[in-house]
């Protein structure tokens, strides 16, 4: 009797947009000299602080999108 082995799963290539989403927070926060200023002020917070906090929220969203992209594979 012959037994057939299941075909080996093919490794899918990671789309380029996933790497862009993962690199965006790094690029946005890598150069503090670009955002180290006080204006514009948002709710009394200088730009330096709210810009970094906005990246915390944005990074969470981006990581969720990357997670969903890999989970559907």
PDB file of N, CA and C in Angstrom:
ATOM      1  N   UNK A   1       0.819  -1.191   0.000  1.00  0.00           N
ATOM      2  CA  UNK A   1       0.000   0.000   0.000  1.00  0.00           C
ATOM      3  C   UNK A   1       0.858   1.248   0.000  1.00  0.00           C
ATOM      4  N   UNK A   2       0.457   2.154  -0.796  1.00  0.00           N
ATOM      5  CA  UNK A   2       1.164   3.428  -0.831  1.00  0.00           C
ATOM      6  C   UNK A   2       0.477   4.425   0.081  1.00  0.00           C
ATOM      7  N   UNK A   3       1.271   5.132   0.832  1.00  0.00           N
ATOM      8  CA  UNK A   3       0.708   6.216   1.649  1.00  0.00           C
ATOM      9  C   UNK A   3       1.216   7.516   1.082  1.00  0.00           C
ATOM     10  N   UNK A   4       0.312   8.404   0.927  1.00  0.00           N
ATOM     11  CA  UNK A   4       0.717   9.704   0.390  1.00  0.00           C
ATOM     12  C   UNK A   4       0.882  10.688   1.541  1.00  0.00           C
ATOM     13  N   UNK A   5       1.941  11.413   1.473  1.00  0.00           N
ATOM     14  CA  UNK A   5       2.172  12.431   2.486  1.00  0.00           C
ATOM     15  C   UNK A   5       1.565  13.735   2.011  1.00  0.00           C
ATOM     16  N   UNK A   6       1.036  14.500   2.938  1.00  0.00           N
ATOM     17  CA  UNK A   6       0.449  15.773   2.529  1.00  0.00           C
ATOM     18  C   UNK A   6       1.541  16.712   2.023  1.00  0.00           C
ATOM     19  N   UNK A   7       1.189  17.560   1.086  1.00  0.00           N
ATOM     20  CA  UNK A   7       2.200  18.477   0.565  1.00  0.00           C
ATOM     21  C   UNK A   7       2.679  19.441   1.644  1.00  0.00           C
ATOM     22  N   UNK A   8       3.933  19.783   1.565  1.00  0.00           N
ATOM     23  CA  UNK A   8       4.503  20.716   2.534  1.00  0.00           C
ATOM     24  C   UNK A   8       3.860  22.083   2.340  1.00  0.00           C
ATOM     25  N   UNK A   9       3.539  22.751   3.436  1.00  0.00           N
ATOM     26  CA  UNK A   9       2.925  24.067   3.296  1.00  0.00           C
ATOM     27  C   UNK A   9       3.902  25.051   2.647  1.00  0.00           C
ATOM     28  N   UNK A  10       3.380  25.842   1.747  1.00  0.00           N
ATOM     29  CA  UNK A  10       4.229  26.829   1.093  1.00  0.00           C
ATOM     30  C   UNK A  10       4.347  28.055   1.980  1.00  0.00           C
ATOM     31  N   UNK A  11       5.520  28.582   2.036  1.00  0.00           N
ATOM     32  CA  UNK A  11       5.758  29.759   2.856  1.00  0.00           C
ATOM     33  C   UNK A  11       5.369  30.991   2.056  1.00  0.00           C
ATOM     34  N   UNK A  12       4.415  31.735   2.587  1.00  0.00           N
ATOM     35  CA  UNK A  12       3.957  32.931   1.892  1.00  0.00           C
ATOM     36  C   UNK A  12       4.908  34.087   2.172  1.00  0.00           C
ATOM     37  N   UNK A  13       5.065  34.894   1.194  1.00  0.00           N
ATOM     38  CA  UNK A  13       5.946  36.051   1.317  1.00  0.00           C
ATOM     39  C   UNK A  13       5.221  37.178   2.044  1.00  0.00           C
ATOM     40  N   UNK A  14       5.926  37.862   2.936  1.00  0.00           N
ATOM     41  CA  UNK A  14       5.331  38.972   3.681  1.00  0.00           C
ATOM     42  C   UNK A  14       5.175  40.173   2.752  1.00  0.00           C
ATOM     43  N   UNK A  15       3.960  40.719   2.676  1.00  0.00           N
ATOM     44  CA  UNK A  15       3.751  41.875   1.799  1.00  0.00           C
ATOM     45  C   UNK A  15       4.568  43.087   2.257  1.00  0.00           C
ATOM     46  N   UNK A  16       4.918  43.932   1.315  1.00  0.00           N
ATOM     47  CA  UNK A  16       5.752  45.103   1.618  1.00  0.00           C
ATOM     48  C   UNK A  16       5.041  46.074   2.549  1.00  0.00           C
ATOM     49  N   UNK A  17       3.712  46.179   2.435  1.00  0.00           N
ATOM     50  CA  UNK A  17       2.999  47.147   3.270  1.00  0.00           C
ATOM     51  C   UNK A  17       3.097  46.790   4.754  1.00  0.00           C
ATOM     52  N   UNK A  18       3.298  45.508   5.077  1.00  0.00           N
ATOM     53  CA  UNK A  18       3.463  45.115   6.477  1.00  0.00           C
ATOM     54  C   UNK A  18       4.755  45.707   7.029  1.00  0.00           C
ATOM     55  N   UNK A  19       5.809  45.643   6.241  1.00  0.00           N
ATOM     56  CA  UNK A  19       7.089  46.206   6.687  1.00  0.00           C
ATOM     57  C   UNK A  19       7.003  47.720   6.823  1.00  0.00           C
ATOM     58  N   UNK A  20       6.257  48.358   5.964  1.00  0.00           N
ATOM     59  CA  UNK A  20       6.074  49.814   6.052  1.00  0.00           C
ATOM     60  C   UNK A  20       5.330  50.161   7.336  1.00  0.00           C
ATOM     61  N   UNK A  21       4.278  49.404   7.650  1.00  0.00           N
ATOM     62  CA  UNK A  21       3.533  49.660   8.880  1.00  0.00           C
ATOM     63  C   UNK A  21       4.392  49.454  10.117  1.00  0.00           C
ATOM     64  N   UNK A  22       5.265  48.466  10.078  1.00  0.00           N
ATOM     65  CA  UNK A  22       6.134  48.220  11.225  1.00  0.00           C
ATOM     66  C   UNK A  22       7.251  49.251  11.347  1.00  0.00           C
ATOM     67  N   UNK A  23       7.678  49.814  10.227  1.00  0.00           N
ATOM     68  CA  UNK A  23       8.757  50.802  10.252  1.00  0.00           C
ATOM     69  C   UNK A  23       8.267  52.219  10.543  1.00  0.00           C
ATOM     70  N   UNK A  24       6.991  52.484  10.348  1.00  0.00           N
ATOM     71  CA  UNK A  24       6.462  53.835  10.517  1.00  0.00           C
ATOM     72  C   UNK A  24       6.689  54.403  11.923  1.00  0.00           C
ATOM     73  N   UNK A  25       6.397  53.668  13.004  1.00  0.00           N
ATOM     74  CA  UNK A  25       6.653  54.232  14.336  1.00  0.00           C
ATOM     75  C   UNK A  25       8.131  54.534  14.569  1.00  0.00           C
ATOM     76  N   UNK A  26       8.983  53.673  14.082  1.00  0.00           N
ATOM     77  CA  UNK A  26      10.418  53.907  14.228  1.00  0.00           C
ATOM     78  C   UNK A  26      10.821  55.193  13.501  1.00  0.00           C
ATOM     79  N   UNK A  27      10.376  55.332  12.273  1.00  0.00           N
ATOM     80  CA  UNK A  27      10.733  56.515  11.490  1.00  0.00           C
ATOM     81  C   UNK A  27      10.131  57.781  12.096  1.00  0.00           C
ATOM     82  N   UNK A  28       8.927  57.669  12.630  1.00  0.00           N
ATOM     83  CA  UNK A  28       8.267  58.838  13.204  1.00  0.00           C
ATOM     84  C   UNK A  28       8.871  59.312  14.506  1.00  0.00           C
ATOM     85  N   UNK A  29       9.537  58.432  15.224  1.00  0.00           N
ATOM     86  CA  UNK A  29      10.098  58.804  16.526  1.00  0.00           C
ATOM     87  C   UNK A  29      11.619  58.772  16.576  1.00  0.00           C
ATOM     88  N   UNK A  30      12.245  58.387  15.497  1.00  0.00           N
ATOM     89  CA  UNK A  30      13.692  58.212  15.483  1.00  0.00           C
ATOM     90  C   UNK A  30      14.465  59.532  15.549  1.00  0.00           C
ATOM     91  N   UNK A  31      13.887  60.593  15.081  1.00  0.00           N
ATOM     92  CA  UNK A  31      14.593  61.873  14.995  1.00  0.00           C
ATOM     93  C   UNK A  31      13.902  62.931  15.851  1.00  0.00           C
ATOM     94  N   UNK A  32      14.182  62.957  17.155  1.00  0.00           N
ATOM     95  CA  UNK A  32      13.482  63.901  18.039  1.00  0.00           C
ATOM     96  C   UNK A  32      13.754  65.364  17.709  1.00  0.00           C
ATOM     97  N   UNK A  33      14.839  65.656  17.025  1.00  0.00           N
ATOM     98  CA  UNK A  33      15.093  67.046  16.669  1.00  0.00           C
ATOM     99  C   UNK A  33      14.021  67.601  15.729  1.00  0.00           C
ATOM    100  N   UNK A  34      13.277  66.712  15.070  1.00  0.00           N
ATOM    101  CA  UNK A  34      12.202  67.157  14.182  1.00  0.00           C
ATOM    102  C   UNK A  34      10.933  67.533  14.936  1.00  0.00           C
ATOM    103  N   UNK A  35      10.713  66.964  16.104  1.00  0.00           N
ATOM    104  CA  UNK A  35       9.483  67.250  16.850  1.00  0.00           C
ATOM    105  C   UNK A  35       9.741  67.803  18.248  1.00  0.00           C
ATOM    106  N   UNK A  36      10.968  68.152  18.568  1.00  0.00           N
ATOM    107  CA  UNK A  36      11.303  68.704  19.879  1.00  0.00           C
ATOM    108  C   UNK A  36      11.038  70.208  19.895  1.00  0.00           C
ATOM    109  N   UNK A  37       9.756  70.538  19.987  1.00  0.00           N
ATOM    110  CA  UNK A  37       9.356  71.948  20.059  1.00  0.00           C
ATOM    111  C   UNK A  37       8.100  72.047  20.904  1.00  0.00           C
ATOM    112  N   UNK A  38       7.747  73.237  21.281  1.00  0.00           N
ATOM    113  CA  UNK A  38       6.615  73.441  22.186  1.00  0.00           C
ATOM    114  C   UNK A  38       5.309  73.695  21.447  1.00  0.00           C
ATOM    115  N   UNK A  39       5.389  74.208  20.253  1.00  0.00           N
ATOM    116  CA  UNK A  39       4.156  74.528  19.539  1.00  0.00           C
ATOM    117  C   UNK A  39       3.971  73.572  18.378  1.00  0.00           C
ATOM    118  N   UNK A  40       2.789  73.235  17.995  1.00  0.00           N
ATOM    119  CA  UNK A  40       1.501  73.676  18.519  1.00  0.00           C
ATOM    120  C   UNK A  40       1.134  72.935  19.809  1.00  0.00           C
ATOM    121  N   UNK A  41       0.332  73.591  20.614  1.00  0.00           N
ATOM    122  CA  UNK A  41      -0.105  73.039  21.888  1.00  0.00           C
ATOM    123  C   UNK A  41      -1.472  72.387  21.694  1.00  0.00           C
ATOM    124  N   UNK A  42      -1.657  71.217  22.300  1.00  0.00           N
ATOM    125  CA  UNK A  42      -2.928  70.504  22.217  1.00  0.00           C
ATOM    126  C   UNK A  42      -3.402  70.202  23.633  1.00  0.00           C
ATOM    127  N   UNK A  43      -4.523  70.783  24.024  1.00  0.00           N
ATOM    128  CA  UNK A  43      -5.082  70.616  25.370  1.00  0.00           C
ATOM    129  C   UNK A  43      -4.070  70.970  26.456  1.00  0.00           C
ATOM    130  N   UNK A  44      -3.247  71.960  26.211  1.00  0.00           N
ATOM    131  CA  UNK A  44      -2.257  72.405  27.171  1.00  0.00           C
ATOM    132  C   UNK A  44      -0.947  71.631  27.145  1.00  0.00           C
ATOM    133  N   UNK A  45      -0.844  70.615  26.310  1.00  0.00           N
ATOM    134  CA  UNK A  45       0.389  69.825  26.223  1.00  0.00           C
ATOM    135  C   UNK A  45       1.232  70.309  25.052  1.00  0.00           C
ATOM    136  N   UNK A  46       2.527  70.519  25.279  1.00  0.00           N
ATOM    137  CA  UNK A  46       3.414  70.910  24.170  1.00  0.00           C
ATOM    138  C   UNK A  46       3.477  69.816  23.107  1.00  0.00           C
ATOM    139  N   UNK A  47       3.830  70.206  21.914  1.00  0.00           N
ATOM    140  CA  UNK A  47       3.886  69.297  20.778  1.00  0.00           C
ATOM    141  C   UNK A  47       4.753  68.086  21.069  1.00  0.00           C
ATOM    142  N   UNK A  48       5.885  68.287  21.716  1.00  0.00           N
ATOM    143  CA  UNK A  48       6.811  67.199  21.994  1.00  0.00           C
ATOM    144  C   UNK A  48       6.129  66.030  22.700  1.00  0.00           C
ATOM    145  N   UNK A  49       5.276  66.342  23.665  1.00  0.00           N
ATOM    146  CA  UNK A  49       4.626  65.293  24.443  1.00  0.00           C
ATOM    147  C   UNK A  49       3.447  64.669  23.715  1.00  0.00           C
ATOM    148  N   UNK A  50       2.570  65.480  23.143  1.00  0.00           N
ATOM    149  CA  UNK A  50       1.396  64.873  22.512  1.00  0.00           C
ATOM    150  C   UNK A  50       1.741  64.161  21.212  1.00  0.00           C
ATOM    151  N   UNK A  51       2.807  64.573  20.558  1.00  0.00           N
ATOM    152  CA  UNK A  51       3.248  63.863  19.355  1.00  0.00           C
ATOM    153  C   UNK A  51       3.673  62.439  19.703  1.00  0.00           C
ATOM    154  N   UNK A  52       4.457  62.291  20.770  1.00  0.00           N
ATOM    155  CA  UNK A  52       4.890  60.962  21.189  1.00  0.00           C
ATOM    156  C   UNK A  52       3.718  60.114  21.661  1.00  0.00           C
ATOM    157  N   UNK A  53       2.793  60.723  22.380  1.00  0.00           N
ATOM    158  CA  UNK A  53       1.632  59.972  22.843  1.00  0.00           C
ATOM    159  C   UNK A  53       0.744  59.543  21.674  1.00  0.00           C
ATOM    160  N   UNK A  54       0.632  60.388  20.676  1.00  0.00           N
ATOM    161  CA  UNK A  54      -0.138  60.024  19.488  1.00  0.00           C
ATOM    162  C   UNK A  54       0.484  58.805  18.814  1.00  0.00           C
ATOM    163  N   UNK A  55       1.801  58.712  18.829  1.00  0.00           N
ATOM    164  CA  UNK A  55       2.464  57.546  18.239  1.00  0.00           C
ATOM    165  C   UNK A  55       2.199  56.280  19.042  1.00  0.00           C
ATOM    166  N   UNK A  56       2.008  56.396  20.336  1.00  0.00           N
ATOM    167  CA  UNK A  56       1.664  55.215  21.149  1.00  0.00           C
ATOM    168  C   UNK A  56       0.342  54.638  20.665  1.00  0.00           C
ATOM    169  N   UNK A  57      -0.639  55.489  20.483  1.00  0.00           N
ATOM    170  CA  UNK A  57      -1.952  55.041  20.018  1.00  0.00           C
ATOM    171  C   UNK A  57      -1.857  54.539  18.574  1.00  0.00           C
ATOM    172  N   UNK A  58      -1.190  55.296  17.723  1.00  0.00           N
ATOM    173  CA  UNK A  58      -1.056  54.906  16.320  1.00  0.00           C
ATOM    174  C   UNK A  58      -0.300  53.588  16.165  1.00  0.00           C
ATOM    175  N   UNK A  59       0.735  53.385  16.962  1.00  0.00           N
ATOM    176  CA  UNK A  59       1.501  52.149  16.900  1.00  0.00           C
ATOM    177  C   UNK A  59       0.639  50.951  17.296  1.00  0.00           C
ATOM    178  N   UNK A  60      -0.210  51.133  18.287  1.00  0.00           N
ATOM    179  CA  UNK A  60      -1.121  50.057  18.680  1.00  0.00           C
ATOM    180  C   UNK A  60      -2.041  49.679  17.528  1.00  0.00           C
ATOM    181  N   UNK A  61      -2.545  50.662  16.830  1.00  0.00           N
ATOM    182  CA  UNK A  61      -3.424  50.410  15.688  1.00  0.00           C
ATOM    183  C   UNK A  61      -2.658  49.709  14.569  1.00  0.00           C
ATOM    184  N   UNK A  62      -1.457  50.180  14.287  1.00  0.00           N
ATOM    185  CA  UNK A  62      -0.657  49.568  13.224  1.00  0.00           C
ATOM    186  C   UNK A  62      -0.294  48.124  13.545  1.00  0.00           C
ATOM    187  N   UNK A  63       0.075  47.865  14.786  1.00  0.00           N
ATOM    188  CA  UNK A  63       0.402  46.500  15.175  1.00  0.00           C
ATOM    189  C   UNK A  63      -0.818  45.588  15.090  1.00  0.00           C
ATOM    190  N   UNK A  64      -1.988  46.109  15.397  1.00  0.00           N
ATOM    191  CA  UNK A  64      -3.210  45.327  15.251  1.00  0.00           C
ATOM    192  C   UNK A  64      -3.446  44.965  13.783  1.00  0.00           C
ATOM    193  N   UNK A  65      -3.222  45.919  12.892  1.00  0.00           N
ATOM    194  CA  UNK A  65      -3.407  45.640  11.468  1.00  0.00           C
ATOM    195  C   UNK A  65      -2.432  44.577  10.974  1.00  0.00           C
ATOM    196  N   UNK A  66      -1.198  44.651  11.433  1.00  0.00           N
ATOM    197  CA  UNK A  66      -0.205  43.640  11.051  1.00  0.00           C
ATOM    198  C   UNK A  66      -0.593  42.281  11.633  1.00  0.00           C
ATOM    199  N   UNK A  67      -1.045  42.273  12.862  1.00  0.00           N
ATOM    200  CA  UNK A  67      -1.496  41.030  13.485  1.00  0.00           C
ATOM    201  C   UNK A  67      -2.627  40.395  12.697  1.00  0.00           C
ATOM    202  N   UNK A  68      -3.615  41.194  12.303  1.00  0.00           N
ATOM    203  CA  UNK A  68      -4.739  40.672  11.531  1.00  0.00           C
ATOM    204  C   UNK A  68      -4.277  40.151  10.169  1.00  0.00           C
ATOM    205  N   UNK A  69      -3.300  40.802   9.571  1.00  0.00           N
ATOM    206  CA  UNK A  69      -2.787  40.354   8.283  1.00  0.00           C
ATOM    207  C   UNK A  69      -2.131  38.981   8.410  1.00  0.00           C
ATOM    208  N   UNK A  70      -1.404  38.751   9.487  1.00  0.00           N
ATOM    209  CA  UNK A  70      -0.748  37.465   9.672  1.00  0.00           C
ATOM    210  C   UNK A  70      -1.710  36.391  10.176  1.00  0.00           C
ATOM    211  N   UNK A  71      -2.727  36.793  10.905  1.00  0.00           N
ATOM    212  CA  UNK A  71      -3.671  35.813  11.433  1.00  0.00           C
ATOM    213  C   UNK A  71      -4.540  35.222  10.328  1.00  0.00           C
ATOM    214  N   UNK A  72      -4.813  35.995   9.291  1.00  0.00           N
ATOM    215  CA  UNK A  72      -5.661  35.512   8.214  1.00  0.00           C
ATOM    216  C   UNK A  72      -4.907  34.619   7.234  1.00  0.00           C
ATOM    217  N   UNK A  73      -3.639  34.437   7.434  1.00  0.00           N
ATOM    218  CA  UNK A  73      -2.840  33.592   6.535  1.00  0.00           C
ATOM    219  C   UNK A  73      -3.161  32.154   6.736  1.00  0.00           C
TER     220      UNK A  73
END
